[in-house]
Amino acid sequence: MQIEKNPYSILINKMIVTKEGKRIGFVRDVTFETKSGELINLVVKDITPYTRNLNLEKVGSNELLIPYNSIIAIGDFIVVSEEDFI
């Protein structure tokens, strides 16, 4: 079975929501391990007021990091599980 590969650019500017439907923001970039290529975080821009209550690492004044392993689904939106935020 061949694995379908997609460029990371399909993630850029997608809205991120929780599985409960709460908006978090939009993907600005991704971080990854250079040796293995493993994706580590989504860099989130245009964060919403809802994110103040979440325990997420801040980058700069208006960006956050969301662990890549918290992603549940990718489609029109990126759906994440709050329980997986570490």
PDB file of N, CA and C in Angstrom:
ATOM      1  N   MET A   1       0.839  -1.165   0.000  1.00  0.00           N
ATOM      2  CA  MET A   1       0.000   0.000   0.000  1.00  0.00           C
ATOM      3  C   MET A   1       0.895   1.242   0.000  1.00  0.00           C
ATOM      4  N   GLN A   2       0.615   2.175  -0.902  1.00  0.00           N
ATOM      5  CA  GLN A   2       1.400   3.392  -0.987  1.00  0.00           C
ATOM      6  C   GLN A   2       0.773   4.472  -0.110  1.00  0.00           C
ATOM      7  N   ILE A   3       1.602   5.157   0.655  1.00  0.00           N
ATOM      8  CA  ILE A   3       1.133   6.220   1.533  1.00  0.00           C
ATOM      9  C   ILE A   3       1.054   7.512   0.730  1.00  0.00           C
ATOM     10  N   GLU A   4      -0.099   8.186   0.818  1.00  0.00           N
ATOM     11  CA  GLU A   4      -0.268   9.451   0.115  1.00  0.00           C
ATOM     12  C   GLU A   4       0.506  10.538   0.861  1.00  0.00           C
ATOM     13  N   LYS A   5       1.318  11.279   0.130  1.00  0.00           N
ATOM     14  CA  LYS A   5       2.097  12.359   0.738  1.00  0.00           C
ATOM     15  C   LYS A   5       1.519  13.689   0.289  1.00  0.00           C
ATOM     16  N   ASN A   6       1.401  14.598   1.234  1.00  0.00           N
ATOM     17  CA  ASN A   6       0.915  15.936   0.943  1.00  0.00           C
ATOM     18  C   ASN A   6       1.959  16.939   1.399  1.00  0.00           C
ATOM     19  N   PRO A   7       2.131  18.009   0.656  1.00  0.00           N
ATOM     20  CA  PRO A   7       3.073  19.037   1.109  1.00  0.00           C
ATOM     21  C   PRO A   7       2.522  19.739   2.341  1.00  0.00           C
ATOM     22  N   TYR A   8       3.437  20.217   3.175  1.00  0.00           N
ATOM     23  CA  TYR A   8       2.996  20.878   4.398  1.00  0.00           C
ATOM     24  C   TYR A   8       2.182  22.125   4.090  1.00  0.00           C
ATOM     25  N   SER A   9       2.300  22.648   2.881  1.00  0.00           N
ATOM     26  CA  SER A   9       1.591  23.873   2.522  1.00  0.00           C
ATOM     27  C   SER A   9       0.075  23.715   2.575  1.00  0.00           C
ATOM     28  N   ILE A  10      -0.428  22.477   2.560  1.00  0.00           N
ATOM     29  CA  ILE A  10      -1.881  22.304   2.676  1.00  0.00           C
ATOM     30  C   ILE A  10      -2.366  22.651   4.081  1.00  0.00           C
ATOM     31  N   LEU A  11      -1.448  22.692   5.057  1.00  0.00           N
ATOM     32  CA  LEU A  11      -1.818  23.051   6.426  1.00  0.00           C
ATOM     33  C   LEU A  11      -1.843  24.563   6.659  1.00  0.00           C
ATOM     34  N   ILE A  12      -1.050  25.298   5.895  1.00  0.00           N
ATOM     35  CA  ILE A  12      -0.894  26.735   6.119  1.00  0.00           C
ATOM     36  C   ILE A  12      -2.226  27.457   5.910  1.00  0.00           C
ATOM     37  N   ASN A  13      -2.561  28.314   6.858  1.00  0.00           N
ATOM     38  CA  ASN A  13      -3.779  29.133   6.868  1.00  0.00           C
ATOM     39  C   ASN A  13      -5.070  28.371   7.133  1.00  0.00           C
ATOM     40  N   LYS A  14      -4.977  27.084   7.480  1.00  0.00           N
ATOM     41  CA  LYS A  14      -6.188  26.351   7.872  1.00  0.00           C
ATOM     42  C   LYS A  14      -6.591  26.753   9.283  1.00  0.00           C
ATOM     43  N   MET A  15      -7.898  26.834   9.512  1.00  0.00           N
ATOM     44  CA  MET A  15      -8.408  27.147  10.838  1.00  0.00           C
ATOM     45  C   MET A  15      -8.238  25.926  11.736  1.00  0.00           C
ATOM     46  N   ILE A  16      -7.866  26.183  12.993  1.00  0.00           N
ATOM     47  CA  ILE A  16      -7.728  25.123  13.982  1.00  0.00           C
ATOM     48  C   ILE A  16      -8.877  25.248  14.962  1.00  0.00           C
ATOM     49  N   VAL A  17      -9.578  24.125  15.187  1.00  0.00           N
ATOM     50  CA  VAL A  17     -10.688  24.090  16.142  1.00  0.00           C
ATOM     51  C   VAL A  17     -10.508  22.889  17.059  1.00  0.00           C
ATOM     52  N   THR A  18     -11.110  22.966  18.243  1.00  0.00           N
ATOM     53  CA  THR A  18     -11.099  21.815  19.144  1.00  0.00           C
ATOM     54  C   THR A  18     -12.183  20.846  18.699  1.00  0.00           C
ATOM     55  N   LYS A  19     -12.164  19.641  19.237  1.00  0.00           N
ATOM     56  CA  LYS A  19     -13.202  18.671  18.863  1.00  0.00           C
ATOM     57  C   LYS A  19     -14.572  19.098  19.355  1.00  0.00           C
ATOM     58  N   GLU A  20     -14.614  20.058  20.277  1.00  0.00           N
ATOM     59  CA  GLU A  20     -15.884  20.620  20.747  1.00  0.00           C
ATOM     60  C   GLU A  20     -16.339  21.788  19.874  1.00  0.00           C
ATOM     61  N   GLY A  21     -15.515  22.171  18.893  1.00  0.00           N
ATOM     62  CA  GLY A  21     -15.873  23.235  17.967  1.00  0.00           C
ATOM     63  C   GLY A  21     -15.397  24.625  18.351  1.00  0.00           C
ATOM     64  N   LYS A  22     -14.558  24.745  19.361  1.00  0.00           N
ATOM     65  CA  LYS A  22     -14.029  26.054  19.773  1.00  0.00           C
ATOM     66  C   LYS A  22     -12.881  26.454  18.846  1.00  0.00           C
ATOM     67  N   ARG A  23     -12.918  27.665  18.348  1.00  0.00           N
ATOM     68  CA  ARG A  23     -11.871  28.158  17.454  1.00  0.00           C
ATOM     69  C   ARG A  23     -10.619  28.527  18.236  1.00  0.00           C
ATOM     70  N   ILE A  24      -9.466  28.148  17.691  1.00  0.00           N
ATOM     71  CA  ILE A  24      -8.184  28.448  18.319  1.00  0.00           C
ATOM     72  C   ILE A  24      -7.418  29.500  17.520  1.00  0.00           C
ATOM     73  N   GLY A  25      -7.352  29.345  16.217  1.00  0.00           N
ATOM     74  CA  GLY A  25      -6.621  30.276  15.360  1.00  0.00           C
ATOM     75  C   GLY A  25      -6.336  29.634  14.019  1.00  0.00           C
ATOM     76  N   PHE A  26      -5.306  30.114  13.336  1.00  0.00           N
ATOM     77  CA  PHE A  26      -4.941  29.617  12.011  1.00  0.00           C
ATOM     78  C   PHE A  26      -3.484  29.183  12.001  1.00  0.00           C
ATOM     79  N   VAL A  27      -3.159  28.184  11.181  1.00  0.00           N
ATOM     80  CA  VAL A  27      -1.789  27.682  11.082  1.00  0.00           C
ATOM     81  C   VAL A  27      -0.925  28.701  10.330  1.00  0.00           C
ATOM     82  N   ARG A  28       0.156  29.127  10.963  1.00  0.00           N
ATOM     83  CA  ARG A  28       1.126  30.000  10.308  1.00  0.00           C
ATOM     84  C   ARG A  28       2.292  29.197   9.763  1.00  0.00           C
ATOM     85  N   ASP A  29       2.688  28.145  10.508  1.00  0.00           N
ATOM     86  CA  ASP A  29       3.869  27.372  10.129  1.00  0.00           C
ATOM     87  C   ASP A  29       3.847  26.056  10.906  1.00  0.00           C
ATOM     88  N   VAL A  30       4.808  25.182  10.623  1.00  0.00           N
ATOM     89  CA  VAL A  30       5.002  23.955  11.387  1.00  0.00           C
ATOM     90  C   VAL A  30       6.460  23.887  11.818  1.00  0.00           C
ATOM     91  N   THR A  31       6.713  23.193  12.940  1.00  0.00           N
ATOM     92  CA  THR A  31       8.089  22.921  13.336  1.00  0.00           C
ATOM     93  C   THR A  31       8.316  21.422  13.218  1.00  0.00           C
ATOM     94  N   PHE A  32       9.549  21.038  12.904  1.00  0.00           N
ATOM     95  CA  PHE A  32       9.849  19.619  12.727  1.00  0.00           C
ATOM     96  C   PHE A  32      11.286  19.324  13.088  1.00  0.00           C
ATOM     97  N   GLU A  33      11.535  18.053  13.362  1.00  0.00           N
ATOM     98  CA  GLU A  33      12.882  17.556  13.659  1.00  0.00           C
ATOM     99  C   GLU A  33      13.615  17.394  12.326  1.00  0.00           C
ATOM    100  N   THR A  34      14.749  18.067  12.171  1.00  0.00           N
ATOM    101  CA  THR A  34      15.428  18.066  10.875  1.00  0.00           C
ATOM    102  C   THR A  34      16.012  16.708  10.480  1.00  0.00           C
ATOM    103  N   LYS A  35      16.479  15.937  11.449  1.00  0.00           N
ATOM    104  CA  LYS A  35      17.071  14.639  11.099  1.00  0.00           C
ATOM    105  C   LYS A  35      16.026  13.624  10.649  1.00  0.00           C
ATOM    106  N   SER A  36      14.918  13.528  11.379  1.00  0.00           N
ATOM    107  CA  SER A  36      13.915  12.505  11.076  1.00  0.00           C
ATOM    108  C   SER A  36      12.759  13.017  10.219  1.00  0.00           C
ATOM    109  N   GLY A  37      12.566  14.338  10.205  1.00  0.00           N
ATOM    110  CA  GLY A  37      11.425  14.895   9.479  1.00  0.00           C
ATOM    111  C   GLY A  37      10.130  14.845  10.274  1.00  0.00           C
ATOM    112  N   GLU A  38      10.213  14.394  11.529  1.00  0.00           N
ATOM    113  CA  GLU A  38       9.025  14.283  12.376  1.00  0.00           C
ATOM    114  C   GLU A  38       8.460  15.665  12.686  1.00  0.00           C
ATOM    115  N   LEU A  39       7.143  15.821  12.465  1.00  0.00           N
ATOM    116  CA  LEU A  39       6.488  17.083  12.786  1.00  0.00           C
ATOM    117  C   LEU A  39       6.319  17.189  14.288  1.00  0.00           C
ATOM    118  N   ILE A  40       6.587  18.376  14.834  1.00  0.00           N
ATOM    119  CA  ILE A  40       6.548  18.565  16.281  1.00  0.00           C
ATOM    120  C   ILE A  40       5.396  19.459  16.707  1.00  0.00           C
ATOM    121  N   ASN A  41       5.269  20.634  16.100  1.00  0.00           N
ATOM    122  CA  ASN A  41       4.249  21.604  16.506  1.00  0.00           C
ATOM    123  C   ASN A  41       3.635  22.309  15.312  1.00  0.00           C
ATOM    124  N   LEU A  42       2.423  22.810  15.520  1.00  0.00           N
ATOM    125  CA  LEU A  42       1.826  23.783  14.618  1.00  0.00           C
ATOM    126  C   LEU A  42       2.040  25.151  15.257  1.00  0.00           C
ATOM    127  N   VAL A  43       2.474  26.111  14.477  1.00  0.00           N
ATOM    128  CA  VAL A  43       2.592  27.489  14.953  1.00  0.00           C
ATOM    129  C   VAL A  43       1.281  28.173  14.579  1.00  0.00           C
ATOM    130  N   VAL A  44       0.603  28.720  15.593  1.00  0.00           N
ATOM    131  CA  VAL A  44      -0.737  29.256  15.409  1.00  0.00           C
ATOM    132  C   VAL A  44      -0.708  30.782  15.458  1.00  0.00           C
ATOM    133  N   LYS A  45      -1.344  31.402  14.469  1.00  0.00           N
ATOM    134  CA  LYS A  45      -1.466  32.859  14.433  1.00  0.00           C
ATOM    135  C   LYS A  45      -2.932  33.238  14.611  1.00  0.00           C
ATOM    136  N   ASP A  46      -3.190  34.516  14.762  1.00  0.00           N
ATOM    137  CA  ASP A  46      -4.561  35.031  14.905  1.00  0.00           C
ATOM    138  C   ASP A  46      -5.336  34.257  15.971  1.00  0.00           C
ATOM    139  N   ILE A  47      -4.706  34.083  17.130  1.00  0.00           N
ATOM    140  CA  ILE A  47      -5.326  33.293  18.193  1.00  0.00           C
ATOM    141  C   ILE A  47      -6.564  34.000  18.748  1.00  0.00           C
ATOM    142  N   THR A  48      -7.499  33.200  19.200  1.00  0.00           N
ATOM    143  CA  THR A  48      -8.753  33.725  19.731  1.00  0.00           C
ATOM    144  C   THR A  48      -8.657  33.899  21.246  1.00  0.00           C
ATOM    145  N   PRO A  49      -9.579  34.656  21.838  1.00  0.00           N
ATOM    146  CA  PRO A  49      -9.579  34.823  23.300  1.00  0.00           C
ATOM    147  C   PRO A  49      -9.713  33.494  24.053  1.00  0.00           C
ATOM    148  N   TYR A  50     -10.323  32.491  23.438  1.00  0.00           N
ATOM    149  CA  TYR A  50     -10.476  31.175  24.072  1.00  0.00           C
ATOM    150  C   TYR A  50      -9.125  30.575  24.471  1.00  0.00           C
ATOM    151  N   THR A  51      -8.070  30.884  23.740  1.00  0.00           N
ATOM    152  CA  THR A  51      -6.767  30.265  23.993  1.00  0.00           C
ATOM    153  C   THR A  51      -6.130  30.714  25.297  1.00  0.00           C
ATOM    154  N   ARG A  52      -6.633  31.793  25.887  1.00  0.00           N
ATOM    155  CA  ARG A  52      -6.065  32.260  27.165  1.00  0.00           C
ATOM    156  C   ARG A  52      -6.176  31.198  28.255  1.00  0.00           C
ATOM    157  N   ASN A  53      -7.202  30.364  28.193  1.00  0.00           N
ATOM    158  CA  ASN A  53      -7.432  29.339  29.212  1.00  0.00           C
ATOM    159  C   ASN A  53      -6.684  28.036  28.937  1.00  0.00           C
ATOM    160  N   LEU A  54      -6.002  27.964  27.802  1.00  0.00           N
ATOM    161  CA  LEU A  54      -5.307  26.732  27.438  1.00  0.00           C
ATOM    162  C   LEU A  54      -3.849  26.814  27.870  1.00  0.00           C
ATOM    163  N   ASN A  55      -3.292  25.676  28.198  1.00  0.00           N
ATOM    164  CA  ASN A  55      -1.901  25.603  28.630  1.00  0.00           C
ATOM    165  C   ASN A  55      -1.001  25.337  27.419  1.00  0.00           C
ATOM    166  N   LEU A  56      -0.827  26.384  26.585  1.00  0.00           N
ATOM    167  CA  LEU A  56      -0.028  26.239  25.379  1.00  0.00           C
ATOM    168  C   LEU A  56       1.185  27.158  25.444  1.00  0.00           C
ATOM    169  N   GLU A  57       2.278  26.707  24.829  1.00  0.00           N
ATOM    170  CA  GLU A  57       3.499  27.510  24.799  1.00  0.00           C
ATOM    171  C   GLU A  57       3.308  28.706  23.873  1.00  0.00           C
ATOM    172  N   LYS A  58       3.679  29.883  24.343  1.00  0.00           N
ATOM    173  CA  LYS A  58       3.553  31.103  23.551  1.00  0.00           C
ATOM    174  C   LYS A  58       4.836  31.371  22.781  1.00  0.00           C
ATOM    175  N   VAL A  59       4.674  31.887  21.568  1.00  0.00           N
ATOM    176  CA  VAL A  59       5.797  32.292  20.729  1.00  0.00           C
ATOM    177  C   VAL A  59       5.514  33.731  20.337  1.00  0.00           C
ATOM    178  N   GLY A  60       6.349  34.636  20.781  1.00  0.00           N
ATOM    179  CA  GLY A  60       6.099  36.041  20.496  1.00  0.00           C
ATOM    180  C   GLY A  60       4.880  36.526  21.261  1.00  0.00           C
ATOM    181  N   SER A  61       4.279  37.581  20.770  1.00  0.00           N
ATOM    182  CA  SER A  61       3.153  38.170  21.495  1.00  0.00           C
ATOM    183  C   SER A  61       1.807  37.619  21.070  1.00  0.00           C
ATOM    184  N   ASN A  62       1.703  37.078  19.856  1.00  0.00           N
ATOM    185  CA  ASN A  62       0.385  36.656  19.383  1.00  0.00           C
ATOM    186  C   ASN A  62       0.431  35.323  18.639  1.00  0.00           C
ATOM    187  N   GLU A  63       1.313  34.415  19.046  1.00  0.00           N
ATOM    188  CA  GLU A  63       1.378  33.095  18.426  1.00  0.00           C
ATOM    189  C   GLU A  63       1.562  32.025  19.503  1.00  0.00           C
ATOM    190  N   LEU A  64       1.067  30.830  19.191  1.00  0.00           N
ATOM    191  CA  LEU A  64       1.141  29.690  20.107  1.00  0.00           C
ATOM    192  C   LEU A  64       1.694  28.477  19.379  1.00  0.00           C
ATOM    193  N   LEU A  65       2.129  27.494  20.159  1.00  0.00           N
ATOM    194  CA  LEU A  65       2.530  26.196  19.611  1.00  0.00           C
ATOM    195  C   LEU A  65       1.524  25.147  20.056  1.00  0.00           C
ATOM    196  N   ILE A  66       1.036  24.367  19.107  1.00  0.00           N
ATOM    197  CA  ILE A  66       0.145  23.248  19.419  1.00  0.00           C
ATOM    198  C   ILE A  66       0.884  21.966  19.047  1.00  0.00           C
ATOM    199  N   PRO A  67       1.000  21.014  19.983  1.00  0.00           N
ATOM    200  CA  PRO A  67       1.691  19.757  19.676  1.00  0.00           C
ATOM    201  C   PRO A  67       1.022  19.027  18.513  1.00  0.00           C
ATOM    202  N   TYR A  68       1.842  18.563  17.569  1.00  0.00           N
ATOM    203  CA  TYR A  68       1.312  17.892  16.388  1.00  0.00           C
ATOM    204  C   TYR A  68       0.531  16.631  16.753  1.00  0.00           C
ATOM    205  N   ASN A  69       0.916  15.981  17.854  1.00  0.00           N
ATOM    206  CA  ASN A  69       0.226  14.734  18.235  1.00  0.00           C
ATOM    207  C   ASN A  69      -1.187  14.979  18.752  1.00  0.00           C
ATOM    208  N   SER A  70      -1.582  16.240  18.933  1.00  0.00           N
ATOM    209  CA  SER A  70      -2.944  16.521  19.384  1.00  0.00           C
ATOM    210  C   SER A  70      -3.935  16.608  18.222  1.00  0.00           C
ATOM    211  N   ILE A  71      -3.437  16.519  16.983  1.00  0.00           N
ATOM    212  CA  ILE A  71      -4.321  16.601  15.815  1.00  0.00           C
ATOM    213  C   ILE A  71      -5.140  15.321  15.693  1.00  0.00           C
ATOM    214  N   ILE A  72      -6.453  15.508  15.568  1.00  0.00           N
ATOM    215  CA  ILE A  72      -7.370  14.385  15.387  1.00  0.00           C
ATOM    216  C   ILE A  72      -7.691  14.191  13.913  1.00  0.00           C
ATOM    217  N   ALA A  73      -7.932  15.290  13.202  1.00  0.00           N
ATOM    218  CA  ALA A  73      -8.332  15.203  11.797  1.00  0.00           C
ATOM    219  C   ALA A  73      -7.884  16.453  11.054  1.00  0.00           C
ATOM    220  N   ILE A  74      -7.627  16.273   9.751  1.00  0.00           N
ATOM    221  CA  ILE A  74      -7.304  17.390   8.875  1.00  0.00           C
ATOM    222  C   ILE A  74      -8.229  17.316   7.678  1.00  0.00           C
ATOM    223  N   GLY A  75      -8.976  18.376   7.467  1.00  0.00           N
ATOM    224  CA  GLY A  75      -9.896  18.485   6.336  1.00  0.00           C
ATOM    225  C   GLY A  75     -10.019  19.954   6.013  1.00  0.00           C
ATOM    226  N   ASP A  76     -11.252  20.452   5.969  1.00  0.00           N
ATOM    227  CA  ASP A  76     -11.451  21.890   5.791  1.00  0.00           C
ATOM    228  C   ASP A  76     -10.898  22.652   6.987  1.00  0.00           C
ATOM    229  N   PHE A  77     -10.909  22.009   8.152  1.00  0.00           N
ATOM    230  CA  PHE A  77     -10.359  22.545   9.390  1.00  0.00           C
ATOM    231  C   PHE A  77      -9.351  21.534   9.917  1.00  0.00           C
ATOM    232  N   ILE A  78      -8.522  21.978  10.851  1.00  0.00           N
ATOM    233  CA  ILE A  78      -7.679  21.053  11.606  1.00  0.00           C
ATOM    234  C   ILE A  78      -8.335  20.910  12.964  1.00  0.00           C
ATOM    235  N   VAL A  79      -8.688  19.688  13.316  1.00  0.00           N
ATOM    236  CA  VAL A  79      -9.366  19.415  14.579  1.00  0.00           C
ATOM    237  C   VAL A  79      -8.342  18.858  15.558  1.00  0.00           C
ATOM    238  N   VAL A  80      -8.302  19.461  16.756  1.00  0.00           N
ATOM    239  CA  VAL A  80      -7.348  19.038  17.774  1.00  0.00           C
ATOM    240  C   VAL A  80      -8.067  18.645  19.056  1.00  0.00           C
ATOM    241  N   SER A  81      -7.400  17.830  19.855  1.00  0.00           N
ATOM    242  CA  SER A  81      -7.919  17.391  21.145  1.00  0.00           C
ATOM    243  C   SER A  81      -7.223  18.183  22.248  1.00  0.00           C
ATOM    244  N   GLU A  82      -7.998  18.926  23.034  1.00  0.00           N
ATOM    245  CA  GLU A  82      -7.421  19.691  24.147  1.00  0.00           C
ATOM    246  C   GLU A  82      -6.754  18.795  25.173  1.00  0.00           C
ATOM    247  N   GLU A  83      -7.235  17.582  25.326  1.00  0.00           N
ATOM    248  CA  GLU A  83      -6.670  16.663  26.327  1.00  0.00           C
ATOM    249  C   GLU A  83      -5.221  16.310  25.993  1.00  0.00           C
ATOM    250  N   ASP A  84      -4.819  16.461  24.739  1.00  0.00           N
ATOM    251  CA  ASP A  84      -3.470  16.105  24.340  1.00  0.00           C
ATOM    252  C   ASP A  84      -2.486  17.267  24.386  1.00  0.00           C
ATOM    253  N   PHE A  85      -2.954  18.453  24.807  1.00  0.00           N
ATOM    254  CA  PHE A  85      -2.035  19.577  24.979  1.00  0.00           C
ATOM    255  C   PHE A  85      -1.191  19.306  26.207  1.00  0.00           C
ATOM    256  N   ILE A  86       0.116  19.358  26.039  1.00  0.00           N
ATOM    257  CA  ILE A  86       1.009  19.078  27.171  1.00  0.00           C
ATOM    258  C   ILE A  86       1.842  20.300  27.464  1.00  0.00           C
TER     259      ILE A  86
END
